[in-house]
Amino acid sequence: MTERFIVTGTDTGVGKTVFAAGLAGVVDRFYWKPVQSGLHEETDSEVVARLSGLPAGRILPEVYRLKMPLSPHRSAEIDGVAIEAAKLSLPALPGPLIVEGAGGLMVPLNRQTRFIDIFRQWRLPVVLCARTALGTINHTLLSVEALRARSIPLLGIAFIGDEMADTQKTIAEMGKVRILGRLPRLDPLTPKGLSVAMRAAFNVADFMEAPH
């Protein structure tokens, strides 16, 4: 059984926080966003608290909370903070955990370390969230290649957006990767609607298995 895994994206703004909120609620896990860039609007942890249905104690506090909605390395520099990789160790918890990254795999945390370097240290399986829009084949296949080059286990791809059957099939075939499902854009976006959509689009058991 996969007790812990990472939710990351091929890019910023793909919808991974909404996906993580829905998944955390459906599989009933702890949620942790270790680095938050941007505090002027609703943070990712606040989005998850609002949409997931998890009790407050299941949403762990961030290690770094940075004011500007920029890449973490730059936001930290503006705040006069140095992000230390050693402080991003996985928490000891009484239950399973979903960890959400920031942006894509190559997002820098400081001038030496990227998120993918931390993922490599953690050795947790990754769920890769990808758009269905134009450009996603390139972004997704590059991300899959980067994970495999570092022997980071990949649980599969979670698409977000309108159905693009050929695009999804192409990524699955060329990337030799499992497609976990596709979460459509929801309007309005509500906790109940998200929960229903997640259960309709994904098989919960797929998130309990070891990576293929």
N, C-alpha and C. Protein backbone atom coordinates (compact mmCIF):
# COMPACT_ATOMS: atom_id res chain seq x y z
N MET A 1 0.84 -1.19 0.00
CA MET A 1 0.00 0.00 0.00
C MET A 1 0.88 1.25 0.00
N THR A 2 0.54 2.22 -0.83
CA THR A 2 1.27 3.47 -0.89
C THR A 2 0.72 4.40 0.19
N GLU A 3 1.48 4.58 1.27
CA GLU A 3 1.04 5.39 2.40
C GLU A 3 1.26 6.88 2.16
N ARG A 4 2.30 7.20 1.40
CA ARG A 4 2.65 8.60 1.16
C ARG A 4 2.98 8.79 -0.31
N PHE A 5 2.55 9.91 -0.87
CA PHE A 5 2.99 10.24 -2.21
C PHE A 5 2.93 11.74 -2.42
N ILE A 6 3.54 12.15 -3.53
CA ILE A 6 3.68 13.55 -3.90
C ILE A 6 2.71 13.86 -5.03
N VAL A 7 2.07 15.02 -4.95
CA VAL A 7 1.30 15.56 -6.07
C VAL A 7 2.07 16.75 -6.61
N THR A 8 2.48 16.65 -7.87
CA THR A 8 3.18 17.75 -8.51
C THR A 8 2.58 17.99 -9.88
N GLY A 9 3.09 19.00 -10.58
CA GLY A 9 2.51 19.34 -11.87
C GLY A 9 3.56 19.50 -12.94
N THR A 10 3.10 19.59 -14.17
CA THR A 10 3.99 19.83 -15.30
C THR A 10 4.32 21.31 -15.42
N ASP A 11 3.57 22.14 -14.70
CA ASP A 11 3.71 23.58 -14.83
C ASP A 11 2.93 24.21 -13.68
N THR A 12 3.04 25.52 -13.53
CA THR A 12 2.22 26.20 -12.54
C THR A 12 0.81 26.43 -13.10
N GLY A 13 -0.17 26.40 -12.22
CA GLY A 13 -1.54 26.69 -12.63
C GLY A 13 -2.25 25.58 -13.37
N VAL A 14 -1.76 24.35 -13.29
CA VAL A 14 -2.43 23.26 -14.01
C VAL A 14 -3.67 22.76 -13.28
N GLY A 15 -3.79 23.11 -12.00
CA GLY A 15 -4.95 22.65 -11.22
C GLY A 15 -4.60 21.59 -10.19
N LYS A 16 -3.31 21.45 -9.88
CA LYS A 16 -2.90 20.37 -8.98
C LYS A 16 -3.40 20.57 -7.55
N THR A 17 -3.58 21.83 -7.11
CA THR A 17 -4.07 22.05 -5.75
C THR A 17 -5.52 21.60 -5.62
N VAL A 18 -6.33 21.89 -6.62
CA VAL A 18 -7.72 21.41 -6.60
C VAL A 18 -7.73 19.88 -6.64
N PHE A 19 -6.90 19.30 -7.49
CA PHE A 19 -6.80 17.84 -7.54
C PHE A 19 -6.36 17.29 -6.19
N ALA A 20 -5.33 17.90 -5.59
CA ALA A 20 -4.82 17.43 -4.30
C ALA A 20 -5.90 17.53 -3.22
N ALA A 21 -6.68 18.61 -3.26
CA ALA A 21 -7.77 18.78 -2.29
C ALA A 21 -8.81 17.67 -2.44
N GLY A 22 -9.19 17.41 -3.69
CA GLY A 22 -10.17 16.35 -3.93
C GLY A 22 -9.66 14.99 -3.54
N LEU A 23 -8.41 14.73 -3.88
CA LEU A 23 -7.83 13.42 -3.58
C LEU A 23 -7.64 13.23 -2.08
N ALA A 24 -7.16 14.26 -1.39
CA ALA A 24 -6.95 14.16 0.06
C ALA A 24 -8.26 13.86 0.77
N GLY A 25 -9.35 14.47 0.29
CA GLY A 25 -10.65 14.21 0.90
C GLY A 25 -11.16 12.81 0.60
N VAL A 26 -10.96 12.36 -0.63
CA VAL A 26 -11.48 11.05 -1.04
C VAL A 26 -10.71 9.91 -0.37
N VAL A 27 -9.38 10.04 -0.28
CA VAL A 27 -8.59 8.96 0.31
C VAL A 27 -8.30 9.19 1.79
N ASP A 28 -8.77 10.34 2.32
CA ASP A 28 -8.73 10.62 3.77
C ASP A 28 -7.30 10.58 4.31
N ARG A 29 -6.47 11.51 3.82
CA ARG A 29 -5.07 11.56 4.24
C ARG A 29 -4.72 12.93 4.81
N PHE A 30 -3.56 13.00 5.43
CA PHE A 30 -2.98 14.28 5.79
C PHE A 30 -2.53 14.98 4.52
N TYR A 31 -2.50 16.32 4.58
CA TYR A 31 -2.04 17.12 3.44
C TYR A 31 -0.94 18.06 3.93
N TRP A 32 0.11 18.21 3.10
CA TRP A 32 1.22 19.08 3.47
C TRP A 32 1.76 19.79 2.25
N LYS A 33 1.77 21.11 2.31
CA LYS A 33 2.41 21.95 1.29
C LYS A 33 3.61 22.59 1.97
N PRO A 34 4.81 22.06 1.79
CA PRO A 34 5.95 22.54 2.59
C PRO A 34 6.38 23.97 2.28
N VAL A 35 6.21 24.41 1.02
CA VAL A 35 6.64 25.76 0.64
C VAL A 35 5.49 26.47 -0.08
N GLN A 36 5.06 27.60 0.49
CA GLN A 36 3.99 28.40 -0.11
C GLN A 36 4.54 29.75 -0.53
N SER A 37 4.43 30.04 -1.83
CA SER A 37 4.81 31.35 -2.36
C SER A 37 3.55 32.12 -2.71
N GLY A 38 3.36 33.27 -2.07
CA GLY A 38 2.18 34.08 -2.30
C GLY A 38 1.21 33.99 -1.14
N LEU A 39 1.06 35.10 -0.41
CA LEU A 39 0.19 35.11 0.78
C LEU A 39 -0.93 36.13 0.67
N HIS A 40 -0.96 36.89 -0.42
CA HIS A 40 -1.95 37.96 -0.53
C HIS A 40 -3.33 37.42 -0.88
N GLU A 41 -3.40 36.29 -1.52
CA GLU A 41 -4.66 35.64 -1.83
C GLU A 41 -4.73 34.31 -1.08
N GLU A 42 -5.77 33.56 -1.32
CA GLU A 42 -5.95 32.27 -0.64
C GLU A 42 -4.76 31.37 -0.93
N THR A 43 -4.16 30.82 0.12
CA THR A 43 -3.02 29.91 -0.07
C THR A 43 -3.52 28.53 -0.48
N ASP A 44 -2.58 27.70 -0.94
CA ASP A 44 -2.96 26.35 -1.36
C ASP A 44 -3.51 25.54 -0.18
N SER A 45 -2.90 25.69 0.99
CA SER A 45 -3.41 24.97 2.16
C SER A 45 -4.83 25.42 2.51
N GLU A 46 -5.11 26.70 2.34
CA GLU A 46 -6.45 27.22 2.59
C GLU A 46 -7.45 26.70 1.56
N VAL A 47 -7.00 26.57 0.32
CA VAL A 47 -7.87 25.98 -0.72
C VAL A 47 -8.21 24.54 -0.36
N VAL A 48 -7.21 23.79 0.07
CA VAL A 48 -7.44 22.40 0.44
C VAL A 48 -8.36 22.31 1.65
N ALA A 49 -8.17 23.19 2.62
CA ALA A 49 -9.05 23.20 3.80
C ALA A 49 -10.49 23.47 3.40
N ARG A 50 -10.67 24.35 2.43
CA ARG A 50 -12.03 24.73 1.99
C ARG A 50 -12.69 23.64 1.16
N LEU A 51 -11.92 22.93 0.35
CA LEU A 51 -12.51 22.01 -0.63
C LEU A 51 -12.46 20.53 -0.24
N SER A 52 -11.54 20.16 0.62
CA SER A 52 -11.30 18.73 0.85
C SER A 52 -12.27 18.09 1.84
N GLY A 53 -12.79 18.88 2.77
CA GLY A 53 -13.60 18.30 3.83
C GLY A 53 -12.78 17.71 4.96
N LEU A 54 -11.45 17.86 4.91
CA LEU A 54 -10.59 17.35 5.97
C LEU A 54 -10.71 18.23 7.22
N PRO A 55 -10.61 17.64 8.40
CA PRO A 55 -10.54 18.45 9.61
C PRO A 55 -9.25 19.25 9.65
N ALA A 56 -9.24 20.35 10.40
CA ALA A 56 -8.10 21.27 10.40
C ALA A 56 -6.80 20.57 10.77
N GLY A 57 -6.85 19.61 11.66
CA GLY A 57 -5.64 18.92 12.11
C GLY A 57 -4.99 18.07 11.04
N ARG A 58 -5.69 17.80 9.95
CA ARG A 58 -5.12 16.99 8.87
C ARG A 58 -4.31 17.82 7.87
N ILE A 59 -4.40 19.14 7.97
CA ILE A 59 -3.67 20.02 7.06
C ILE A 59 -2.50 20.61 7.82
N LEU A 60 -1.32 20.19 7.46
CA LEU A 60 -0.12 20.55 8.20
C LEU A 60 0.36 21.95 7.84
N PRO A 61 0.98 22.65 8.77
CA PRO A 61 1.49 23.99 8.46
C PRO A 61 2.68 23.94 7.52
N GLU A 62 2.82 24.96 6.71
CA GLU A 62 3.95 25.06 5.80
C GLU A 62 5.24 25.31 6.58
N VAL A 63 6.34 24.86 6.02
CA VAL A 63 7.65 25.16 6.61
C VAL A 63 8.07 26.58 6.24
N TYR A 64 7.79 26.96 4.99
CA TYR A 64 8.11 28.31 4.51
C TYR A 64 6.85 28.94 3.93
N ARG A 65 6.55 30.16 4.41
CA ARG A 65 5.45 30.97 3.89
C ARG A 65 6.05 32.27 3.36
N LEU A 66 6.04 32.41 2.04
CA LEU A 66 6.73 33.51 1.37
C LEU A 66 5.70 34.46 0.75
N LYS A 67 5.94 35.74 0.85
CA LYS A 67 4.91 36.73 0.53
C LYS A 67 4.57 36.83 -0.95
N MET A 68 5.58 36.85 -1.80
CA MET A 68 5.34 37.12 -3.22
C MET A 68 5.00 35.85 -4.00
N PRO A 69 4.04 35.93 -4.95
CA PRO A 69 3.68 34.76 -5.76
C PRO A 69 4.67 34.55 -6.90
N LEU A 70 5.89 34.19 -6.52
CA LEU A 70 6.97 33.97 -7.46
C LEU A 70 7.56 32.59 -7.23
N SER A 71 8.54 32.22 -8.04
CA SER A 71 9.29 31.00 -7.77
C SER A 71 9.82 31.06 -6.34
N PRO A 72 9.77 29.96 -5.59
CA PRO A 72 10.18 30.01 -4.18
C PRO A 72 11.55 30.62 -3.94
N HIS A 73 12.52 30.33 -4.80
CA HIS A 73 13.86 30.86 -4.57
C HIS A 73 13.87 32.38 -4.59
N ARG A 74 13.11 32.97 -5.52
CA ARG A 74 13.10 34.43 -5.65
C ARG A 74 12.24 35.07 -4.57
N SER A 75 11.11 34.45 -4.30
CA SER A 75 10.25 34.97 -3.24
C SER A 75 10.97 34.96 -1.90
N ALA A 76 11.75 33.90 -1.65
CA ALA A 76 12.51 33.81 -0.41
C ALA A 76 13.58 34.89 -0.35
N GLU A 77 14.25 35.13 -1.47
CA GLU A 77 15.28 36.17 -1.49
C GLU A 77 14.69 37.53 -1.18
N ILE A 78 13.53 37.83 -1.73
CA ILE A 78 12.87 39.12 -1.47
C ILE A 78 12.51 39.24 0.00
N ASP A 79 12.09 38.12 0.61
CA ASP A 79 11.73 38.12 2.03
C ASP A 79 12.94 38.06 2.95
N GLY A 80 14.14 37.90 2.37
CA GLY A 80 15.34 37.77 3.20
C GLY A 80 15.43 36.43 3.90
N VAL A 81 14.87 35.40 3.25
CA VAL A 81 14.84 34.05 3.82
C VAL A 81 15.69 33.12 2.96
N ALA A 82 16.38 32.20 3.57
CA ALA A 82 17.10 31.16 2.84
C ALA A 82 16.39 29.83 3.04
N ILE A 83 15.86 29.27 1.96
CA ILE A 83 15.20 27.96 2.05
C ILE A 83 16.27 26.89 2.19
N GLU A 84 16.19 26.14 3.27
CA GLU A 84 17.17 25.09 3.55
C GLU A 84 16.54 23.73 3.28
N ALA A 85 17.15 22.97 2.38
CA ALA A 85 16.62 21.65 2.03
C ALA A 85 16.51 20.75 3.26
N ALA A 86 17.44 20.90 4.20
CA ALA A 86 17.44 20.04 5.39
C ALA A 86 16.19 20.22 6.24
N LYS A 87 15.55 21.39 6.13
CA LYS A 87 14.34 21.64 6.91
C LYS A 87 13.08 21.05 6.27
N LEU A 88 13.23 20.50 5.07
CA LEU A 88 12.09 19.93 4.37
C LEU A 88 12.05 18.41 4.51
N SER A 89 12.33 17.93 5.69
CA SER A 89 12.24 16.49 5.94
C SER A 89 10.78 16.10 6.14
N LEU A 90 10.44 14.90 5.75
CA LEU A 90 9.06 14.44 5.85
C LEU A 90 8.62 14.34 7.30
N PRO A 91 7.41 14.80 7.62
CA PRO A 91 6.95 14.77 9.01
C PRO A 91 6.56 13.37 9.46
N ALA A 92 6.74 13.12 10.74
CA ALA A 92 6.25 11.87 11.33
C ALA A 92 4.78 12.04 11.66
N LEU A 93 3.95 11.15 11.15
CA LEU A 93 2.50 11.29 11.28
C LEU A 93 1.86 9.96 11.67
N PRO A 94 0.65 10.02 12.26
CA PRO A 94 -0.06 8.79 12.59
C PRO A 94 -0.88 8.23 11.43
N GLY A 95 -0.73 8.79 10.22
CA GLY A 95 -1.51 8.31 9.10
C GLY A 95 -0.89 8.68 7.77
N PRO A 96 -1.50 8.27 6.65
CA PRO A 96 -0.98 8.52 5.31
C PRO A 96 -0.95 10.02 4.98
N LEU A 97 -0.13 10.37 3.98
CA LEU A 97 0.16 11.77 3.68
C LEU A 97 0.20 12.02 2.17
N ILE A 98 -0.35 13.18 1.77
CA ILE A 98 -0.17 13.72 0.43
C ILE A 98 0.66 14.99 0.56
N VAL A 99 1.76 15.06 -0.20
CA VAL A 99 2.62 16.24 -0.22
C VAL A 99 2.44 16.94 -1.56
N GLU A 100 2.22 18.24 -1.53
CA GLU A 100 2.08 18.99 -2.78
C GLU A 100 3.31 19.86 -3.02
N GLY A 101 3.87 19.76 -4.21
CA GLY A 101 4.98 20.61 -4.58
C GLY A 101 4.50 21.98 -5.01
N ALA A 102 5.42 22.78 -5.57
CA ALA A 102 5.09 24.12 -6.06
C ALA A 102 5.49 24.20 -7.52
N GLY A 103 4.53 24.52 -8.39
CA GLY A 103 4.83 24.61 -9.81
C GLY A 103 5.26 23.27 -10.37
N GLY A 104 6.26 23.28 -11.25
CA GLY A 104 6.74 22.04 -11.85
C GLY A 104 7.95 21.47 -11.15
N LEU A 105 8.49 20.42 -11.71
CA LEU A 105 9.57 19.67 -11.07
C LEU A 105 10.86 20.48 -10.93
N MET A 106 11.14 21.33 -11.90
CA MET A 106 12.41 22.05 -11.91
C MET A 106 12.35 23.39 -11.20
N VAL A 107 11.28 23.67 -10.51
CA VAL A 107 11.16 24.93 -9.78
C VAL A 107 12.25 25.01 -8.71
N PRO A 108 13.06 26.08 -8.70
CA PRO A 108 14.13 26.18 -7.71
C PRO A 108 13.64 26.63 -6.33
N LEU A 109 14.20 25.99 -5.31
CA LEU A 109 13.94 26.38 -3.93
C LEU A 109 14.98 27.39 -3.45
N ASN A 110 16.18 27.23 -3.94
CA ASN A 110 17.25 28.20 -3.72
C ASN A 110 18.14 28.14 -4.96
N ARG A 111 19.31 28.73 -4.90
CA ARG A 111 20.15 28.80 -6.10
C ARG A 111 20.88 27.49 -6.40
N GLN A 112 20.70 26.50 -5.54
CA GLN A 112 21.36 25.21 -5.76
C GLN A 112 20.37 24.04 -5.88
N THR A 113 19.18 24.19 -5.30
CA THR A 113 18.28 23.04 -5.12
C THR A 113 16.94 23.29 -5.80
N ARG A 114 16.48 22.28 -6.54
CA ARG A 114 15.15 22.31 -7.17
C ARG A 114 14.23 21.33 -6.44
N PHE A 115 12.93 21.48 -6.68
CA PHE A 115 11.99 20.57 -6.02
C PHE A 115 12.28 19.12 -6.39
N ILE A 116 12.66 18.85 -7.61
CA ILE A 116 12.91 17.47 -8.01
C ILE A 116 14.06 16.86 -7.21
N ASP A 117 15.00 17.69 -6.76
CA ASP A 117 16.09 17.19 -5.92
C ASP A 117 15.57 16.72 -4.56
N ILE A 118 14.60 17.45 -4.03
CA ILE A 118 13.98 17.05 -2.76
C ILE A 118 13.17 15.77 -2.95
N PHE A 119 12.43 15.70 -4.07
CA PHE A 119 11.65 14.50 -4.35
C PHE A 119 12.56 13.27 -4.45
N ARG A 120 13.71 13.45 -5.03
CA ARG A 120 14.65 12.34 -5.15
C ARG A 120 15.11 11.86 -3.77
N GLN A 121 15.32 12.79 -2.86
CA GLN A 121 15.72 12.44 -1.50
C GLN A 121 14.59 11.70 -0.77
N TRP A 122 13.37 12.16 -0.98
CA TRP A 122 12.24 11.56 -0.27
C TRP A 122 11.93 10.14 -0.75
N ARG A 123 12.15 9.87 -2.03
CA ARG A 123 11.89 8.55 -2.62
C ARG A 123 10.42 8.14 -2.50
N LEU A 124 9.53 9.11 -2.61
CA LEU A 124 8.10 8.83 -2.58
C LEU A 124 7.55 8.75 -4.00
N PRO A 125 6.50 7.97 -4.22
CA PRO A 125 5.86 7.95 -5.54
C PRO A 125 5.25 9.31 -5.87
N VAL A 126 5.21 9.63 -7.15
CA VAL A 126 4.70 10.91 -7.63
C VAL A 126 3.45 10.71 -8.47
N VAL A 127 2.44 11.55 -8.22
CA VAL A 127 1.31 11.71 -9.13
C VAL A 127 1.57 13.00 -9.90
N LEU A 128 1.66 12.90 -11.21
CA LEU A 128 1.97 14.06 -12.04
C LEU A 128 0.69 14.61 -12.65
N CYS A 129 0.33 15.85 -12.28
CA CYS A 129 -0.85 16.50 -12.82
C CYS A 129 -0.48 17.24 -14.10
N ALA A 130 -1.29 17.04 -15.14
CA ALA A 130 -1.00 17.64 -16.45
C ALA A 130 -2.26 18.25 -17.04
N ARG A 131 -2.09 19.34 -17.74
CA ARG A 131 -3.20 19.92 -18.48
C ARG A 131 -3.59 18.99 -19.64
N THR A 132 -4.77 19.23 -20.18
CA THR A 132 -5.12 18.57 -21.44
C THR A 132 -4.97 19.53 -22.62
N ALA A 133 -4.64 20.78 -22.34
CA ALA A 133 -4.56 21.81 -23.38
C ALA A 133 -3.30 21.66 -24.24
N LEU A 134 -3.25 22.44 -25.31
CA LEU A 134 -2.13 22.41 -26.25
C LEU A 134 -0.82 22.68 -25.53
N GLY A 135 0.19 21.89 -25.84
CA GLY A 135 1.50 22.02 -25.21
C GLY A 135 1.76 20.98 -24.15
N THR A 136 0.70 20.28 -23.74
CA THR A 136 0.87 19.35 -22.62
C THR A 136 1.69 18.11 -22.98
N ILE A 137 1.69 17.70 -24.24
CA ILE A 137 2.48 16.52 -24.61
C ILE A 137 3.96 16.77 -24.31
N ASN A 138 4.46 17.91 -24.75
CA ASN A 138 5.86 18.25 -24.52
C ASN A 138 6.16 18.35 -23.02
N HIS A 139 5.36 19.13 -22.30
CA HIS A 139 5.60 19.34 -20.86
C HIS A 139 5.53 18.03 -20.08
N THR A 140 4.56 17.21 -20.43
CA THR A 140 4.34 15.98 -19.66
C THR A 140 5.43 14.96 -19.94
N LEU A 141 5.78 14.76 -21.21
CA LEU A 141 6.82 13.79 -21.53
C LEU A 141 8.18 14.21 -20.98
N LEU A 142 8.47 15.50 -20.98
CA LEU A 142 9.71 15.98 -20.38
C LEU A 142 9.72 15.72 -18.87
N SER A 143 8.59 15.93 -18.23
CA SER A 143 8.50 15.70 -16.78
C SER A 143 8.65 14.22 -16.45
N VAL A 144 8.03 13.36 -17.24
CA VAL A 144 8.16 11.92 -17.04
C VAL A 144 9.62 11.50 -17.21
N GLU A 145 10.27 12.03 -18.24
CA GLU A 145 11.67 11.70 -18.49
C GLU A 145 12.55 12.16 -17.33
N ALA A 146 12.28 13.35 -16.79
CA ALA A 146 13.08 13.87 -15.68
C ALA A 146 12.92 13.01 -14.43
N LEU A 147 11.71 12.57 -14.15
CA LEU A 147 11.49 11.70 -12.99
C LEU A 147 12.23 10.38 -13.15
N ARG A 148 12.11 9.77 -14.31
CA ARG A 148 12.73 8.46 -14.53
C ARG A 148 14.25 8.54 -14.53
N ALA A 149 14.78 9.66 -15.01
CA ALA A 149 16.23 9.82 -15.02
C ALA A 149 16.80 9.84 -13.61
N ARG A 150 15.97 10.16 -12.63
CA ARG A 150 16.40 10.23 -11.24
C ARG A 150 15.85 9.07 -10.40
N SER A 151 15.25 8.09 -11.08
CA SER A 151 14.69 6.90 -10.42
C SER A 151 13.64 7.27 -9.38
N ILE A 152 12.86 8.32 -9.67
CA ILE A 152 11.75 8.71 -8.80
C ILE A 152 10.51 7.95 -9.28
N PRO A 153 9.88 7.15 -8.43
CA PRO A 153 8.74 6.35 -8.86
C PRO A 153 7.55 7.21 -9.28
N LEU A 154 6.93 6.85 -10.39
CA LEU A 154 5.80 7.59 -10.94
C LEU A 154 4.54 6.74 -10.83
N LEU A 155 3.60 7.20 -10.02
CA LEU A 155 2.34 6.47 -9.86
C LEU A 155 1.49 6.56 -11.11
N GLY A 156 1.50 7.73 -11.76
CA GLY A 156 0.74 7.90 -12.99
C GLY A 156 0.43 9.36 -13.24
N ILE A 157 -0.32 9.60 -14.34
CA ILE A 157 -0.70 10.95 -14.76
C ILE A 157 -2.16 11.20 -14.40
N ALA A 158 -2.42 12.36 -13.80
CA ALA A 158 -3.79 12.83 -13.58
C ALA A 158 -4.00 14.04 -14.48
N PHE A 159 -4.85 13.88 -15.49
CA PHE A 159 -5.13 15.00 -16.38
C PHE A 159 -6.18 15.91 -15.75
N ILE A 160 -6.09 17.19 -16.10
CA ILE A 160 -7.04 18.18 -15.61
C ILE A 160 -7.47 19.06 -16.77
N GLY A 161 -8.78 19.12 -17.01
CA GLY A 161 -9.30 19.94 -18.10
C GLY A 161 -10.26 19.16 -18.98
N ASP A 162 -10.58 19.75 -20.13
CA ASP A 162 -11.48 19.11 -21.08
C ASP A 162 -10.83 17.87 -21.69
N GLU A 163 -11.67 16.92 -22.05
CA GLU A 163 -11.13 15.69 -22.64
C GLU A 163 -10.47 15.96 -23.98
N MET A 164 -9.24 15.45 -24.12
CA MET A 164 -8.50 15.49 -25.38
C MET A 164 -7.97 14.08 -25.58
N ALA A 165 -8.81 13.23 -26.15
CA ALA A 165 -8.56 11.80 -26.16
C ALA A 165 -7.23 11.44 -26.82
N ASP A 166 -6.94 12.05 -27.97
CA ASP A 166 -5.71 11.68 -28.67
C ASP A 166 -4.48 12.16 -27.89
N THR A 167 -4.56 13.34 -27.32
CA THR A 167 -3.44 13.86 -26.51
C THR A 167 -3.16 12.92 -25.34
N GLN A 168 -4.21 12.52 -24.64
CA GLN A 168 -4.05 11.64 -23.48
C GLN A 168 -3.49 10.29 -23.90
N LYS A 169 -3.97 9.76 -25.01
CA LYS A 169 -3.48 8.48 -25.52
C LYS A 169 -2.01 8.58 -25.94
N THR A 170 -1.66 9.69 -26.58
CA THR A 170 -0.28 9.88 -27.04
C THR A 170 0.69 9.91 -25.87
N ILE A 171 0.33 10.62 -24.82
CA ILE A 171 1.18 10.69 -23.64
C ILE A 171 1.33 9.31 -23.00
N ALA A 172 0.23 8.59 -22.90
CA ALA A 172 0.27 7.25 -22.30
C ALA A 172 1.19 6.33 -23.10
N GLU A 173 1.06 6.37 -24.42
CA GLU A 173 1.82 5.45 -25.26
C GLU A 173 3.29 5.85 -25.37
N MET A 174 3.55 7.12 -25.64
CA MET A 174 4.93 7.55 -25.84
C MET A 174 5.70 7.61 -24.52
N GLY A 175 4.99 7.93 -23.44
CA GLY A 175 5.63 8.00 -22.14
C GLY A 175 5.64 6.68 -21.40
N LYS A 176 4.90 5.68 -21.95
CA LYS A 176 4.77 4.38 -21.28
C LYS A 176 4.40 4.59 -19.81
N VAL A 177 3.33 5.35 -19.62
CA VAL A 177 2.92 5.75 -18.29
C VAL A 177 1.42 5.50 -18.10
N ARG A 178 1.04 5.19 -16.89
CA ARG A 178 -0.35 4.92 -16.58
C ARG A 178 -1.14 6.23 -16.47
N ILE A 179 -2.31 6.27 -17.06
CA ILE A 179 -3.22 7.39 -16.92
C ILE A 179 -4.20 7.06 -15.79
N LEU A 180 -4.17 7.87 -14.75
CA LEU A 180 -5.02 7.61 -13.58
C LEU A 180 -6.45 8.08 -13.80
N GLY A 181 -6.62 9.10 -14.62
CA GLY A 181 -7.96 9.64 -14.88
C GLY A 181 -7.86 11.09 -15.29
N ARG A 182 -9.03 11.72 -15.42
CA ARG A 182 -9.08 13.12 -15.83
C ARG A 182 -10.14 13.86 -15.02
N LEU A 183 -9.72 14.92 -14.35
CA LEU A 183 -10.64 15.76 -13.59
C LEU A 183 -11.07 16.92 -14.48
N PRO A 184 -12.36 17.03 -14.79
CA PRO A 184 -12.81 18.16 -15.61
C PRO A 184 -12.79 19.46 -14.81
N ARG A 185 -12.77 20.58 -15.50
CA ARG A 185 -12.92 21.86 -14.83
C ARG A 185 -14.33 21.96 -14.26
N LEU A 186 -14.43 22.38 -13.03
CA LEU A 186 -15.73 22.40 -12.34
C LEU A 186 -16.18 23.84 -12.12
N ASP A 187 -17.39 24.15 -12.54
CA ASP A 187 -17.96 25.48 -12.35
C ASP A 187 -19.45 25.34 -12.04
N PRO A 188 -19.84 25.56 -10.79
CA PRO A 188 -19.03 26.09 -9.69
C PRO A 188 -18.16 24.99 -9.06
N LEU A 189 -17.11 25.43 -8.40
CA LEU A 189 -16.21 24.51 -7.70
C LEU A 189 -16.61 24.47 -6.23
N THR A 190 -17.20 23.36 -5.82
CA THR A 190 -17.66 23.20 -4.44
C THR A 190 -17.08 21.92 -3.85
N PRO A 191 -17.02 21.82 -2.52
CA PRO A 191 -16.50 20.58 -1.92
C PRO A 191 -17.27 19.33 -2.38
N LYS A 192 -18.58 19.42 -2.39
CA LYS A 192 -19.38 18.26 -2.79
C LYS A 192 -19.16 17.93 -4.26
N GLY A 193 -19.19 18.96 -5.10
CA GLY A 193 -18.99 18.73 -6.53
C GLY A 193 -17.63 18.15 -6.83
N LEU A 194 -16.61 18.61 -6.12
CA LEU A 194 -15.26 18.08 -6.32
C LEU A 194 -15.18 16.62 -5.88
N SER A 195 -15.77 16.31 -4.74
CA SER A 195 -15.74 14.93 -4.26
C SER A 195 -16.44 13.99 -5.24
N VAL A 196 -17.58 14.40 -5.74
CA VAL A 196 -18.33 13.58 -6.71
C VAL A 196 -17.51 13.39 -7.98
N ALA A 197 -16.91 14.48 -8.47
CA ALA A 197 -16.13 14.40 -9.71
C ALA A 197 -14.89 13.52 -9.54
N MET A 198 -14.24 13.60 -8.39
CA MET A 198 -13.06 12.77 -8.15
C MET A 198 -13.42 11.29 -8.14
N ARG A 199 -14.51 10.96 -7.48
CA ARG A 199 -14.92 9.55 -7.41
C ARG A 199 -15.36 9.02 -8.77
N ALA A 200 -15.91 9.90 -9.60
CA ALA A 200 -16.34 9.49 -10.93
C ALA A 200 -15.15 9.34 -11.89
N ALA A 201 -14.12 10.16 -11.70
CA ALA A 201 -13.02 10.21 -12.67
C ALA A 201 -11.85 9.30 -12.33
N PHE A 202 -11.72 8.94 -11.05
CA PHE A 202 -10.54 8.18 -10.62
C PHE A 202 -10.96 6.95 -9.80
N ASN A 203 -10.13 5.93 -9.86
CA ASN A 203 -10.30 4.73 -9.06
C ASN A 203 -9.42 4.88 -7.82
N VAL A 204 -10.04 5.00 -6.66
CA VAL A 204 -9.30 5.23 -5.43
C VAL A 204 -8.22 4.17 -5.21
N ALA A 205 -8.52 2.95 -5.60
CA ALA A 205 -7.56 1.85 -5.40
C ALA A 205 -6.24 2.10 -6.12
N ASP A 206 -6.26 2.87 -7.23
CA ASP A 206 -5.03 3.15 -7.96
C ASP A 206 -4.03 3.94 -7.14
N PHE A 207 -4.52 4.67 -6.15
CA PHE A 207 -3.65 5.49 -5.33
C PHE A 207 -3.14 4.73 -4.11
N MET A 208 -3.55 3.50 -3.99
CA MET A 208 -3.10 2.66 -2.89
C MET A 208 -2.04 1.65 -3.34
N GLU A 209 -1.79 1.60 -4.65
CA GLU A 209 -0.88 0.60 -5.19
C GLU A 209 0.55 1.14 -5.29
N ALA A 210 1.49 0.23 -5.36
CA ALA A 210 2.86 0.63 -5.66
C ALA A 210 2.94 1.07 -7.11
N PRO A 211 3.85 1.98 -7.45
CA PRO A 211 3.99 2.43 -8.85
C PRO A 211 4.30 1.28 -9.77
N HIS A 212 3.74 1.35 -10.98
CA HIS A 212 3.99 0.32 -12.00
C HIS A 212 5.35 0.52 -12.63
